[in-house]
Protein backbone atom coordinates (compact mmCIF):
# COMPACT_ATOMS: atom_id res chain seq x y z
CA MET A 1 -42.06 -1.95 -6.07
CA THR A 2 -39.57 -4.78 -6.46
CA LEU A 3 -37.23 -2.57 -8.47
CA LYS A 4 -37.23 -0.03 -5.65
CA ASN A 5 -36.48 -2.77 -3.10
CA LEU A 6 -33.70 -4.11 -5.29
CA ILE A 7 -32.07 -0.68 -5.57
CA ILE A 8 -32.31 -0.03 -1.82
CA SER A 9 -30.90 -3.46 -0.96
CA SER A 10 -28.00 -3.05 -3.40
CA LEU A 11 -27.16 0.36 -1.90
CA ILE A 12 -27.18 -1.08 1.61
CA MET A 13 -25.00 -4.02 0.52
CA GLY A 14 -22.63 -1.57 -1.16
CA LEU A 15 -22.28 0.46 2.02
CA PHE A 16 -21.54 -2.64 4.09
CA ALA A 17 -19.00 -3.89 1.54
CA THR A 18 -17.11 -0.59 1.46
CA THR A 19 -16.96 -0.38 5.26
CA LEU A 20 -15.55 -3.89 5.40
CA ILE A 21 -12.92 -3.12 2.80
CA ALA A 22 -11.90 0.32 4.04
CA LYS A 23 -9.54 0.37 6.97
CA GLU A 24 -8.16 3.19 8.97
CA ALA A 25 -4.57 3.90 8.04
CA THR A 26 -2.03 4.89 10.65
CA TYR A 27 0.31 7.74 9.84
CA VAL A 28 3.62 9.06 11.03
CA GLU A 29 3.04 12.67 11.97
CA ALA A 30 4.86 15.40 10.09
CA THR A 31 7.91 16.93 11.73
CA LYS A 32 9.91 20.06 11.13
CA PRO A 33 12.56 19.51 8.43
CA GLU A 34 16.17 19.51 9.57
CA LEU A 35 17.34 21.63 6.64
CA SER A 36 16.26 25.21 6.13
CA LEU A 37 16.62 26.41 2.56
CA SER A 38 18.40 29.66 1.84
CA LYS A 39 17.79 31.92 -1.16
CA SER A 40 20.58 30.20 -3.12
CA ASP A 41 18.99 26.81 -2.36
CA LEU A 42 15.62 28.03 -3.63
CA ASP A 43 17.33 29.41 -6.74
CA LEU A 44 18.89 25.98 -7.28
CA VAL A 45 15.48 24.32 -7.03
CA ALA A 46 14.01 26.84 -9.49
CA LYS A 47 16.92 26.25 -11.88
CA ALA A 48 16.44 22.49 -11.69
CA ILE A 49 12.72 22.82 -12.41
CA ASP A 50 13.34 25.20 -15.34
CA LYS A 51 15.92 22.89 -16.89
CA LYS A 52 13.84 19.80 -16.05
CA PHE A 53 16.75 18.45 -13.96
CA LYS A 54 19.10 18.33 -16.96
CA GLY A 55 22.46 20.06 -17.14
CA LEU A 56 23.04 20.18 -13.39
CA THR A 57 26.44 19.65 -11.85
CA SER A 58 27.03 16.71 -9.55
CA LEU A 59 27.22 19.05 -6.55
CA GLU A 60 23.84 20.56 -7.43
CA ARG A 61 22.34 17.09 -7.81
CA LYS A 62 23.69 16.05 -4.41
CA LYS A 63 22.12 19.13 -2.82
CA LEU A 64 18.76 18.37 -4.45
CA VAL A 65 18.90 14.77 -3.27
CA GLY A 66 19.63 16.01 0.25
CA PHE A 67 16.63 18.37 0.11
CA LEU A 68 14.34 15.60 -1.12
CA GLN A 69 15.54 13.10 1.48
CA ASP A 70 14.99 15.64 4.25
CA TYR A 71 11.50 16.32 2.92
CA THR A 72 10.58 12.62 2.78
CA LYS A 73 11.76 12.13 6.37
CA SER A 74 9.71 15.05 7.67
CA ALA A 75 6.52 14.67 5.60
CA LYS A 76 3.45 12.89 6.96
CA HIS A 77 3.28 9.39 5.52
CA GLU A 78 1.41 6.16 6.04
CA ILE A 79 3.03 3.42 8.08
CA SER A 80 3.33 0.40 5.86
CA PRO A 81 4.42 -3.01 7.07
CA VAL A 82 7.82 -3.99 5.76
CA GLU A 83 7.97 -7.40 4.18
CA PRO A 84 11.25 -9.25 4.50
CA VAL A 85 13.16 -9.63 1.27
CA LYS A 86 13.61 -13.20 0.18
CA PRO A 87 17.12 -13.99 -1.04
CA ARG A 88 17.35 -15.07 -4.64
CA PRO A 89 18.81 -18.45 -5.39
CA VAL A 90 22.33 -18.19 -6.73
CA LYS A 91 22.79 -19.67 -10.15
CA THR A 92 26.17 -21.25 -10.69
CA LYS A 93 27.51 -22.62 -13.90
CA ALA A 94 29.01 -26.03 -13.86
CA LYS A 95 32.73 -25.94 -14.34
CA LYS A 96 34.02 -27.75 -17.37
CA ILE A 97 36.76 -30.21 -16.77
CA SER A 98 39.42 -29.85 -19.40
CA ARG A 99 41.33 -32.88 -20.49
CA LYS A 100 44.91 -32.36 -21.40
């Protein structure tokens, strides 16, 4: 009987602990992408996947980066708080004084 009570109490404690830890995330809703891909654009994506993104020209890479940036802007994603970046201390070397 005590083993059964112990199991039930641990399950109840586990449920309470997970509800305290879990929080509801807020999301930015998905929007329609600004770019619409043509057949040549889809062929470029297929070529990049086949070659594993090697051997592409710089123009092709720029197009792929543009597609990916447009996708990341339009996809649904979680709103995360932005932490301010702390500036790093600047290390300066002491200047040597030369004696002439």
